[in-house]
Amino acid sequence: MEGALDDNFGDAPGFYATYVSVVALSAALVLIPGAPLIPILYLTQALNAVLLLPLLVLIFRMVRDADLMGEHVSTGWEIWAEMATIVLVTVSVALLAVFALPWV
């Protein structure tokens, strides 16, 4: 299923159905009276950080693929910067898990 926000509904009905469902579910969750909004905010950002890791690894593999990137392939200091970013996010997620687990 391929789609983007600049496509019209007829071109990407599955994409828009998924998109509208996620937005509606999110809105319904935060509109529940008495819902703990601050913990919801923290949990969504923690989930965002955890899901960022596989995405960063995928991007790292893509930018080092000469067949895919051609002359724009990452070399030298760019590879080190990408690896440092992955390590920093990994350490951050690990620390988040260490400090959040006693609260659960």
PDB file of N, CA and C in Angstrom:
ATOM      1  N   MET A   1       0.854  -1.168   0.000  1.00  0.00           N
ATOM      2  CA  MET A   1       0.000   0.000   0.000  1.00  0.00           C
ATOM      3  C   MET A   1       0.900   1.231   0.000  1.00  0.00           C
ATOM      4  N   GLU A   2       0.774   2.014  -1.031  1.00  0.00           N
ATOM      5  CA  GLU A   2       1.594   3.198  -1.155  1.00  0.00           C
ATOM      6  C   GLU A   2       0.682   4.415  -1.167  1.00  0.00           C
ATOM      7  N   GLY A   3       1.100   5.474  -0.528  1.00  0.00           N
ATOM      8  CA  GLY A   3       0.304   6.685  -0.514  1.00  0.00           C
ATOM      9  C   GLY A   3       1.030   7.804   0.188  1.00  0.00           C
ATOM     10  N   ALA A   4       0.530   9.007  -0.033  1.00  0.00           N
ATOM     11  CA  ALA A   4       1.113  10.188   0.591  1.00  0.00           C
ATOM     12  C   ALA A   4       0.015  11.236   0.758  1.00  0.00           C
ATOM     13  N   LEU A   5       0.293  12.214   1.597  1.00  0.00           N
ATOM     14  CA  LEU A   5      -0.713  13.245   1.856  1.00  0.00           C
ATOM     15  C   LEU A   5      -1.007  14.102   0.632  1.00  0.00           C
ATOM     16  N   ASP A   6      -0.104  14.138  -0.346  1.00  0.00           N
ATOM     17  CA  ASP A   6      -0.392  14.929  -1.537  1.00  0.00           C
ATOM     18  C   ASP A   6      -1.181  14.142  -2.582  1.00  0.00           C
ATOM     19  N   ASP A   7      -1.449  12.851  -2.347  1.00  0.00           N
ATOM     20  CA  ASP A   7      -2.331  12.072  -3.209  1.00  0.00           C
ATOM     21  C   ASP A   7      -3.775  12.370  -2.832  1.00  0.00           C
ATOM     22  N   ASN A   8      -4.684  12.223  -3.797  1.00  0.00           N
ATOM     23  CA  ASN A   8      -6.091  12.392  -3.434  1.00  0.00           C
ATOM     24  C   ASN A   8      -6.632  11.057  -2.925  1.00  0.00           C
ATOM     25  N   PHE A   9      -7.811  11.083  -2.343  1.00  0.00           N
ATOM     26  CA  PHE A   9      -8.376   9.894  -1.705  1.00  0.00           C
ATOM     27  C   PHE A   9      -8.550   8.757  -2.697  1.00  0.00           C
ATOM     28  N   GLY A  10      -8.901   9.070  -3.930  1.00  0.00           N
ATOM     29  CA  GLY A  10      -9.100   8.027  -4.937  1.00  0.00           C
ATOM     30  C   GLY A  10      -7.827   7.281  -5.278  1.00  0.00           C
ATOM     31  N   ASP A  11      -6.680   7.953  -5.189  1.00  0.00           N
ATOM     32  CA  ASP A  11      -5.405   7.318  -5.513  1.00  0.00           C
ATOM     33  C   ASP A  11      -4.855   6.473  -4.368  1.00  0.00           C
ATOM     34  N   ALA A  12      -5.192   6.826  -3.129  1.00  0.00           N
ATOM     35  CA  ALA A  12      -4.634   6.116  -1.974  1.00  0.00           C
ATOM     36  C   ALA A  12      -5.681   5.935  -0.877  1.00  0.00           C
ATOM     37  N   PRO A  13      -6.753   5.172  -1.143  1.00  0.00           N
ATOM     38  CA  PRO A  13      -7.803   5.024  -0.124  1.00  0.00           C
ATOM     39  C   PRO A  13      -7.326   4.292   1.128  1.00  0.00           C
ATOM     40  N   GLY A  14      -6.476   3.294   0.972  1.00  0.00           N
ATOM     41  CA  GLY A  14      -5.967   2.571   2.136  1.00  0.00           C
ATOM     42  C   GLY A  14      -5.119   3.453   3.030  1.00  0.00           C
ATOM     43  N   PHE A  15      -4.288   4.288   2.401  1.00  0.00           N
ATOM     44  CA  PHE A  15      -3.440   5.205   3.158  1.00  0.00           C
ATOM     45  C   PHE A  15      -4.298   6.171   3.952  1.00  0.00           C
ATOM     46  N   TYR A  16      -5.288   6.779   3.294  1.00  0.00           N
ATOM     47  CA  TYR A  16      -6.128   7.745   3.992  1.00  0.00           C
ATOM     48  C   TYR A  16      -6.996   7.092   5.055  1.00  0.00           C
ATOM     49  N   ALA A  17      -7.458   5.866   4.829  1.00  0.00           N
ATOM     50  CA  ALA A  17      -8.246   5.172   5.848  1.00  0.00           C
ATOM     51  C   ALA A  17      -7.388   4.924   7.094  1.00  0.00           C
ATOM     52  N   THR A  18      -6.146   4.501   6.888  1.00  0.00           N
ATOM     53  CA  THR A  18      -5.238   4.281   8.011  1.00  0.00           C
ATOM     54  C   THR A  18      -4.928   5.590   8.718  1.00  0.00           C
ATOM     55  N   TYR A  19      -4.643   6.611   7.936  1.00  0.00           N
ATOM     56  CA  TYR A  19      -4.292   7.926   8.493  1.00  0.00           C
ATOM     57  C   TYR A  19      -5.432   8.493   9.333  1.00  0.00           C
ATOM     58  N   VAL A  20      -6.648   8.467   8.799  1.00  0.00           N
ATOM     59  CA  VAL A  20      -7.811   8.998   9.514  1.00  0.00           C
ATOM     60  C   VAL A  20      -8.092   8.157  10.756  1.00  0.00           C
ATOM     61  N   SER A  21      -7.911   6.849  10.675  1.00  0.00           N
ATOM     62  CA  SER A  21      -8.137   5.977  11.833  1.00  0.00           C
ATOM     63  C   SER A  21      -7.175   6.292  12.971  1.00  0.00           C
ATOM     64  N   VAL A  22      -5.900   6.478  12.641  1.00  0.00           N
ATOM     65  CA  VAL A  22      -4.905   6.778  13.673  1.00  0.00           C
ATOM     66  C   VAL A  22      -5.185   8.140  14.309  1.00  0.00           C
ATOM     67  N   VAL A  23      -5.514   9.139  13.496  1.00  0.00           N
ATOM     68  CA  VAL A  23      -5.806  10.468  14.029  1.00  0.00           C
ATOM     69  C   VAL A  23      -7.068  10.427  14.894  1.00  0.00           C
ATOM     70  N   ALA A  24      -8.107   9.721  14.455  1.00  0.00           N
ATOM     71  CA  ALA A  24      -9.346   9.631  15.221  1.00  0.00           C
ATOM     72  C   ALA A  24      -9.126   8.890  16.544  1.00  0.00           C
ATOM     73  N   LEU A  25      -8.371   7.806  16.504  1.00  0.00           N
ATOM     74  CA  LEU A  25      -8.083   7.061  17.731  1.00  0.00           C
ATOM     75  C   LEU A  25      -7.282   7.916  18.714  1.00  0.00           C
ATOM     76  N   SER A  26      -6.302   8.645  18.205  1.00  0.00           N
ATOM     77  CA  SER A  26      -5.492   9.519  19.059  1.00  0.00           C
ATOM     78  C   SER A  26      -6.347  10.623  19.677  1.00  0.00           C
ATOM     79  N   ALA A  27      -7.200  11.234  18.871  1.00  0.00           N
ATOM     80  CA  ALA A  27      -8.069  12.295  19.374  1.00  0.00           C
ATOM     81  C   ALA A  27      -9.042  11.749  20.418  1.00  0.00           C
ATOM     82  N   ALA A  28      -9.600  10.585  20.162  1.00  0.00           N
ATOM     83  CA  ALA A  28     -10.530   9.977  21.122  1.00  0.00           C
ATOM     84  C   ALA A  28      -9.820   9.659  22.437  1.00  0.00           C
ATOM     85  N   LEU A  29      -8.580   9.210  22.360  1.00  0.00           N
ATOM     86  CA  LEU A  29      -7.835   8.871  23.571  1.00  0.00           C
ATOM     87  C   LEU A  29      -7.593  10.094  24.448  1.00  0.00           C
ATOM     88  N   VAL A  30      -7.180  11.199  23.856  1.00  0.00           N
ATOM     89  CA  VAL A  30      -6.877  12.377  24.668  1.00  0.00           C
ATOM     90  C   VAL A  30      -8.129  13.144  25.075  1.00  0.00           C
ATOM     91  N   LEU A  31      -9.258  12.869  24.459  1.00  0.00           N
ATOM     92  CA  LEU A  31     -10.500  13.551  24.824  1.00  0.00           C
ATOM     93  C   LEU A  31     -11.285  12.814  25.908  1.00  0.00           C
ATOM     94  N   ILE A  32     -10.784  11.658  26.338  1.00  0.00           N
ATOM     95  CA  ILE A  32     -11.446  10.931  27.424  1.00  0.00           C
ATOM     96  C   ILE A  32     -11.350  11.779  28.687  1.00  0.00           C
ATOM     97  N   PRO A  33     -12.492  12.061  29.333  1.00  0.00           N
ATOM     98  CA  PRO A  33     -12.430  12.869  30.554  1.00  0.00           C
ATOM     99  C   PRO A  33     -11.582  12.182  31.630  1.00  0.00           C
ATOM    100  N   GLY A  34     -10.684  12.936  32.206  1.00  0.00           N
ATOM    101  CA  GLY A  34      -9.833  12.414  33.259  1.00  0.00           C
ATOM    102  C   GLY A  34      -8.648  11.589  32.773  1.00  0.00           C
ATOM    103  N   ALA A  35      -8.435  11.554  31.469  1.00  0.00           N
ATOM    104  CA  ALA A  35      -7.292  10.793  30.946  1.00  0.00           C
ATOM    105  C   ALA A  35      -5.989  11.441  31.420  1.00  0.00           C
ATOM    106  N   PRO A  36      -5.026  10.648  31.822  1.00  0.00           N
ATOM    107  CA  PRO A  36      -3.746  11.190  32.295  1.00  0.00           C
ATOM    108  C   PRO A  36      -2.891  11.666  31.113  1.00  0.00           C
ATOM    109  N   LEU A  37      -3.044  12.919  30.742  1.00  0.00           N
ATOM    110  CA  LEU A  37      -2.422  13.425  29.520  1.00  0.00           C
ATOM    111  C   LEU A  37      -0.903  13.476  29.588  1.00  0.00           C
ATOM    112  N   ILE A  38      -0.338  13.835  30.728  1.00  0.00           N
ATOM    113  CA  ILE A  38       1.126  13.916  30.837  1.00  0.00           C
ATOM    114  C   ILE A  38       1.751  12.527  30.687  1.00  0.00           C
ATOM    115  N   PRO A  39       1.264  11.489  31.383  1.00  0.00           N
ATOM    116  CA  PRO A  39       1.816  10.148  31.134  1.00  0.00           C
ATOM    117  C   PRO A  39       1.611   9.674  29.690  1.00  0.00           C
ATOM    118  N   ILE A  40       0.482  10.015  29.095  1.00  0.00           N
ATOM    119  CA  ILE A  40       0.256   9.665  27.688  1.00  0.00           C
ATOM    120  C   ILE A  40       1.306  10.338  26.812  1.00  0.00           C
ATOM    121  N   LEU A  41       1.598  11.601  27.083  1.00  0.00           N
ATOM    122  CA  LEU A  41       2.621  12.336  26.337  1.00  0.00           C
ATOM    123  C   LEU A  41       3.986  11.676  26.485  1.00  0.00           C
ATOM    124  N   TYR A  42       4.367  11.329  27.707  1.00  0.00           N
ATOM    125  CA  TYR A  42       5.651  10.669  27.934  1.00  0.00           C
ATOM    126  C   TYR A  42       5.725   9.314  27.238  1.00  0.00           C
ATOM    127  N   LEU A  43       4.656   8.537  27.333  1.00  0.00           N
ATOM    128  CA  LEU A  43       4.656   7.216  26.698  1.00  0.00           C
ATOM    129  C   LEU A  43       4.753   7.309  25.181  1.00  0.00           C
ATOM    130  N   THR A  44       4.055   8.265  24.581  1.00  0.00           N
ATOM    131  CA  THR A  44       4.137   8.398  23.127  1.00  0.00           C
ATOM    132  C   THR A  44       5.535   8.819  22.690  1.00  0.00           C
ATOM    133  N   GLN A  45       6.181   9.672  23.460  1.00  0.00           N
ATOM    134  CA  GLN A  45       7.541  10.086  23.102  1.00  0.00           C
ATOM    135  C   GLN A  45       8.545   8.965  23.340  1.00  0.00           C
ATOM    136  N   ALA A  46       8.325   8.152  24.364  1.00  0.00           N
ATOM    137  CA  ALA A  46       9.191   7.000  24.581  1.00  0.00           C
ATOM    138  C   ALA A  46       9.036   5.998  23.440  1.00  0.00           C
ATOM    139  N   LEU A  47       7.806   5.763  23.022  1.00  0.00           N
ATOM    140  CA  LEU A  47       7.555   4.886  21.883  1.00  0.00           C
ATOM    141  C   LEU A  47       8.207   5.450  20.621  1.00  0.00           C
ATOM    142  N   ASN A  48       8.141   6.756  20.452  1.00  0.00           N
ATOM    143  CA  ASN A  48       8.782   7.409  19.316  1.00  0.00           C
ATOM    144  C   ASN A  48      10.283   7.136  19.310  1.00  0.00           C
ATOM    145  N   ALA A  49      10.933   7.236  20.454  1.00  0.00           N
ATOM    146  CA  ALA A  49      12.382   6.993  20.549  1.00  0.00           C
ATOM    147  C   ALA A  49      12.715   5.537  20.257  1.00  0.00           C
ATOM    148  N   VAL A  50      11.907   4.619  20.782  1.00  0.00           N
ATOM    149  CA  VAL A  50      12.156   3.195  20.549  1.00  0.00           C
ATOM    150  C   VAL A  50      11.988   2.855  19.073  1.00  0.00           C
ATOM    151  N   LEU A  51      10.965   3.393  18.437  1.00  0.00           N
ATOM    152  CA  LEU A  51      10.724   3.111  17.018  1.00  0.00           C
ATOM    153  C   LEU A  51      11.713   3.833  16.104  1.00  0.00           C
ATOM    154  N   LEU A  52      12.380   4.862  16.625  1.00  0.00           N
ATOM    155  CA  LEU A  52      13.382   5.582  15.841  1.00  0.00           C
ATOM    156  C   LEU A  52      14.607   4.715  15.561  1.00  0.00           C
ATOM    157  N   LEU A  53      14.961   3.836  16.485  1.00  0.00           N
ATOM    158  CA  LEU A  53      16.175   3.027  16.322  1.00  0.00           C
ATOM    159  C   LEU A  53      16.182   2.180  15.054  1.00  0.00           C
ATOM    160  N   PRO A  54      15.168   1.346  14.797  1.00  0.00           N
ATOM    161  CA  PRO A  54      15.222   0.563  13.552  1.00  0.00           C
ATOM    162  C   PRO A  54      15.199   1.445  12.311  1.00  0.00           C
ATOM    163  N   LEU A  55      14.516   2.577  12.391  1.00  0.00           N
ATOM    164  CA  LEU A  55      14.489   3.495  11.254  1.00  0.00           C
ATOM    165  C   LEU A  55      15.871   4.072  10.989  1.00  0.00           C
ATOM    166  N   LEU A  56      16.587   4.461  12.033  1.00  0.00           N
ATOM    167  CA  LEU A  56      17.942   4.982  11.866  1.00  0.00           C
ATOM    168  C   LEU A  56      18.875   3.934  11.274  1.00  0.00           C
ATOM    169  N   VAL A  57      18.751   2.693  11.717  1.00  0.00           N
ATOM    170  CA  VAL A  57      19.589   1.624  11.171  1.00  0.00           C
ATOM    171  C   VAL A  57      19.273   1.407   9.694  1.00  0.00           C
ATOM    172  N   LEU A  58      18.010   1.421   9.336  1.00  0.00           N
ATOM    173  CA  LEU A  58      17.613   1.274   7.933  1.00  0.00           C
ATOM    174  C   LEU A  58      18.183   2.409   7.088  1.00  0.00           C
ATOM    175  N   ILE A  59      18.055   3.629   7.565  1.00  0.00           N
ATOM    176  CA  ILE A  59      18.587   4.774   6.829  1.00  0.00           C
ATOM    177  C   ILE A  59      20.104   4.673   6.712  1.00  0.00           C
ATOM    178  N   PHE A  60      20.768   4.252   7.796  1.00  0.00           N
ATOM    179  CA  PHE A  60      22.224   4.091   7.777  1.00  0.00           C
ATOM    180  C   PHE A  60      22.642   3.099   6.695  1.00  0.00           C
ATOM    181  N   ARG A  61      21.913   1.995   6.588  1.00  0.00           N
ATOM    182  CA  ARG A  61      22.234   0.997   5.562  1.00  0.00           C
ATOM    183  C   ARG A  61      21.960   1.547   4.169  1.00  0.00           C
ATOM    184  N   MET A  62      20.912   2.328   4.029  1.00  0.00           N
ATOM    185  CA  MET A  62      20.570   2.877   2.709  1.00  0.00           C
ATOM    186  C   MET A  62      21.610   3.879   2.224  1.00  0.00           C
ATOM    187  N   VAL A  63      22.066   4.779   3.097  1.00  0.00           N
ATOM    188  CA  VAL A  63      22.980   5.830   2.660  1.00  0.00           C
ATOM    189  C   VAL A  63      24.386   5.296   2.398  1.00  0.00           C
ATOM    190  N   ARG A  64      24.671   4.060   2.808  1.00  0.00           N
ATOM    191  CA  ARG A  64      25.962   3.452   2.508  1.00  0.00           C
ATOM    192  C   ARG A  64      25.907   2.556   1.278  1.00  0.00           C
ATOM    193  N   ASP A  65      24.739   2.410   0.667  1.00  0.00           N
ATOM    194  CA  ASP A  65      24.566   1.564  -0.513  1.00  0.00           C
ATOM    195  C   ASP A  65      24.857   2.376  -1.775  1.00  0.00           C
ATOM    196  N   ALA A  66      25.980   2.079  -2.418  1.00  0.00           N
ATOM    197  CA  ALA A  66      26.396   2.843  -3.604  1.00  0.00           C
ATOM    198  C   ALA A  66      25.436   2.648  -4.776  1.00  0.00           C
ATOM    199  N   ASP A  67      24.840   1.459  -4.895  1.00  0.00           N
ATOM    200  CA  ASP A  67      23.887   1.236  -5.985  1.00  0.00           C
ATOM    201  C   ASP A  67      22.655   2.114  -5.835  1.00  0.00           C
ATOM    202  N   LEU A  68      22.239   2.327  -4.615  1.00  0.00           N
ATOM    203  CA  LEU A  68      21.050   3.136  -4.346  1.00  0.00           C
ATOM    204  C   LEU A  68      21.355   4.634  -4.375  1.00  0.00           C
ATOM    205  N   MET A  69      22.449   5.037  -3.738  1.00  0.00           N
ATOM    206  CA  MET A  69      22.749   6.461  -3.554  1.00  0.00           C
ATOM    207  C   MET A  69      23.630   7.055  -4.654  1.00  0.00           C
ATOM    208  N   GLY A  70      24.317   6.217  -5.407  1.00  0.00           N
ATOM    209  CA  GLY A  70      25.183   6.729  -6.465  1.00  0.00           C
ATOM    210  C   GLY A  70      26.296   7.591  -5.896  1.00  0.00           C
ATOM    211  N   GLU A  71      26.446   8.796  -6.439  1.00  0.00           N
ATOM    212  CA  GLU A  71      27.519   9.686  -5.987  1.00  0.00           C
ATOM    213  C   GLU A  71      27.254  10.298  -4.618  1.00  0.00           C
ATOM    214  N   HIS A  72      26.057  10.115  -4.090  1.00  0.00           N
ATOM    215  CA  HIS A  72      25.689  10.707  -2.797  1.00  0.00           C
ATOM    216  C   HIS A  72      25.876   9.740  -1.627  1.00  0.00           C
ATOM    217  N   VAL A  73      26.576   8.636  -1.855  1.00  0.00           N
ATOM    218  CA  VAL A  73      26.797   7.649  -0.804  1.00  0.00           C
ATOM    219  C   VAL A  73      27.608   8.283   0.333  1.00  0.00           C
ATOM    220  N   SER A  74      27.271   7.909   1.570  1.00  0.00           N
ATOM    221  CA  SER A  74      27.974   8.451   2.736  1.00  0.00           C
ATOM    222  C   SER A  74      29.377   7.865   2.833  1.00  0.00           C
ATOM    223  N   THR A  75      30.324   8.731   3.153  1.00  0.00           N
ATOM    224  CA  THR A  75      31.715   8.299   3.346  1.00  0.00           C
ATOM    225  C   THR A  75      32.323   9.104   4.480  1.00  0.00           C
ATOM    226  N   GLY A  76      33.437   8.600   4.991  1.00  0.00           N
ATOM    227  CA  GLY A  76      34.239   9.347   5.961  1.00  0.00           C
ATOM    228  C   GLY A  76      33.489   9.793   7.191  1.00  0.00           C
ATOM    229  N   TRP A  77      33.534  11.113   7.437  1.00  0.00           N
ATOM    230  CA  TRP A  77      32.965  11.671   8.673  1.00  0.00           C
ATOM    231  C   TRP A  77      31.455  11.498   8.733  1.00  0.00           C
ATOM    232  N   GLU A  78      30.790  11.390   7.595  1.00  0.00           N
ATOM    233  CA  GLU A  78      29.333  11.210   7.591  1.00  0.00           C
ATOM    234  C   GLU A  78      28.950   9.880   8.241  1.00  0.00           C
ATOM    235  N   ILE A  79      29.732   8.842   7.954  1.00  0.00           N
ATOM    236  CA  ILE A  79      29.462   7.529   8.550  1.00  0.00           C
ATOM    237  C   ILE A  79      29.635   7.601  10.064  1.00  0.00           C
ATOM    238  N   TRP A  80      30.690   8.291  10.508  1.00  0.00           N
ATOM    239  CA  TRP A  80      30.913   8.437  11.951  1.00  0.00           C
ATOM    240  C   TRP A  80      29.785   9.218  12.609  1.00  0.00           C
ATOM    241  N   ALA A  81      29.298  10.257  11.948  1.00  0.00           N
ATOM    242  CA  ALA A  81      28.190  11.046  12.493  1.00  0.00           C
ATOM    243  C   ALA A  81      26.915  10.203  12.577  1.00  0.00           C
ATOM    244  N   GLU A  82      26.675   9.393  11.556  1.00  0.00           N
ATOM    245  CA  GLU A  82      25.496   8.525  11.566  1.00  0.00           C
ATOM    246  C   GLU A  82      25.591   7.481  12.678  1.00  0.00           C
ATOM    247  N   MET A  83      26.775   6.873  12.823  1.00  0.00           N
ATOM    248  CA  MET A  83      26.958   5.878  13.891  1.00  0.00           C
ATOM    249  C   MET A  83      26.841   6.524  15.267  1.00  0.00           C
ATOM    250  N   ALA A  84      27.379   7.726  15.423  1.00  0.00           N
ATOM    251  CA  ALA A  84      27.286   8.426  16.711  1.00  0.00           C
ATOM    252  C   ALA A  84      25.824   8.721  17.051  1.00  0.00           C
ATOM    253  N   THR A  85      25.036   9.078  16.046  1.00  0.00           N
ATOM    254  CA  THR A  85      23.619   9.338  16.273  1.00  0.00           C
ATOM    255  C   THR A  85      22.902   8.065  16.718  1.00  0.00           C
ATOM    256  N   ILE A  86      23.187   6.960  16.055  1.00  0.00           N
ATOM    257  CA  ILE A  86      22.565   5.687  16.427  1.00  0.00           C
ATOM    258  C   ILE A  86      22.962   5.297  17.847  1.00  0.00           C
ATOM    259  N   VAL A  87      24.240   5.459  18.192  1.00  0.00           N
ATOM    260  CA  VAL A  87      24.696   5.132  19.546  1.00  0.00           C
ATOM    261  C   VAL A  87      24.033   6.040  20.575  1.00  0.00           C
ATOM    262  N   LEU A  88      23.950   7.327  20.284  1.00  0.00           N
ATOM    263  CA  LEU A  88      23.322   8.271  21.209  1.00  0.00           C
ATOM    264  C   LEU A  88      21.854   7.931  21.455  1.00  0.00           C
ATOM    265  N   VAL A  89      21.121   7.622  20.405  1.00  0.00           N
ATOM    266  CA  VAL A  89      19.712   7.265  20.568  1.00  0.00           C
ATOM    267  C   VAL A  89      19.590   5.934  21.306  1.00  0.00           C
ATOM    268  N   THR A  90      20.479   4.982  21.012  1.00  0.00           N
ATOM    269  CA  THR A  90      20.445   3.690  21.707  1.00  0.00           C
ATOM    270  C   THR A  90      20.689   3.867  23.197  1.00  0.00           C
ATOM    271  N   VAL A  91      21.687   4.667  23.555  1.00  0.00           N
ATOM    272  CA  VAL A  91      21.980   4.922  24.964  1.00  0.00           C
ATOM    273  C   VAL A  91      20.802   5.636  25.628  1.00  0.00           C
ATOM    274  N   SER A  92      20.209   6.576  24.930  1.00  0.00           N
ATOM    275  CA  SER A  92      19.058   7.302  25.475  1.00  0.00           C
ATOM    276  C   SER A  92      17.882   6.364  25.738  1.00  0.00           C
ATOM    277  N   VAL A  93      17.607   5.470  24.796  1.00  0.00           N
ATOM    278  CA  VAL A  93      16.509   4.514  24.977  1.00  0.00           C
ATOM    279  C   VAL A  93      16.828   3.547  26.117  1.00  0.00           C
ATOM    280  N   ALA A  94      18.083   3.120  26.215  1.00  0.00           N
ATOM    281  CA  ALA A  94      18.470   2.224  27.304  1.00  0.00           C
ATOM    282  C   ALA A  94      18.307   2.918  28.654  1.00  0.00           C
ATOM    283  N   LEU A  95      18.739   4.163  28.750  1.00  0.00           N
ATOM    284  CA  LEU A  95      18.574   4.911  29.999  1.00  0.00           C
ATOM    285  C   LEU A  95      17.099   5.137  30.318  1.00  0.00           C
ATOM    286  N   LEU A  96      16.319   5.391  29.295  1.00  0.00           N
ATOM    287  CA  LEU A  96      14.880   5.546  29.490  1.00  0.00           C
ATOM    288  C   LEU A  96      14.293   4.263  30.075  1.00  0.00           C
ATOM    289  N   ALA A  97      14.703   3.129  29.541  1.00  0.00           N
ATOM    290  CA  ALA A  97      14.205   1.849  30.049  1.00  0.00           C
ATOM    291  C   ALA A  97      14.658   1.605  31.487  1.00  0.00           C
ATOM    292  N   VAL A  98      15.909   1.920  31.781  1.00  0.00           N
ATOM    293  CA  VAL A  98      16.439   1.699  33.130  1.00  0.00           C
ATOM    294  C   VAL A  98      15.697   2.551  34.155  1.00  0.00           C
ATOM    295  N   PHE A  99      15.481   3.811  33.828  1.00  0.00           N
ATOM    296  CA  PHE A  99      14.847   4.704  34.791  1.00  0.00           C
ATOM    297  C   PHE A  99      13.327   4.592  34.806  1.00  0.00           C
ATOM    298  N   ALA A 100      12.731   4.103  33.736  1.00  0.00           N
ATOM    299  CA  ALA A 100      11.276   3.995  33.674  1.00  0.00           C
ATOM    300  C   ALA A 100      10.766   2.669  34.237  1.00  0.00           C
ATOM    301  N   LEU A 101      11.565   1.614  34.164  1.00  0.00           N
ATOM    302  CA  LEU A 101      11.097   0.300  34.615  1.00  0.00           C
ATOM    303  C   LEU A 101      10.703   0.265  36.084  1.00  0.00           C
ATOM    304  N   PRO A 102      11.436   0.915  36.998  1.00  0.00           N
ATOM    305  CA  PRO A 102      10.985   0.880  38.393  1.00  0.00           C
ATOM    306  C   PRO A 102       9.617   1.512  38.588  1.00  0.00           C
ATOM    307  N   TRP A 103       9.201   2.380  37.706  1.00  0.00           N
ATOM    308  CA  TRP A 103       7.905   3.062  37.835  1.00  0.00           C
ATOM    309  C   TRP A 103       6.769   2.200  37.349  1.00  0.00           C
ATOM    310  N   VAL A 104       7.062   1.222  36.499  1.00  0.00           N
ATOM    311  CA  VAL A 104       5.997   0.422  35.885  1.00  0.00           C
ATOM    312  C   VAL A 104       5.471  -0.581  36.867  1.00  0.00           C
TER     313      VAL A 104
END
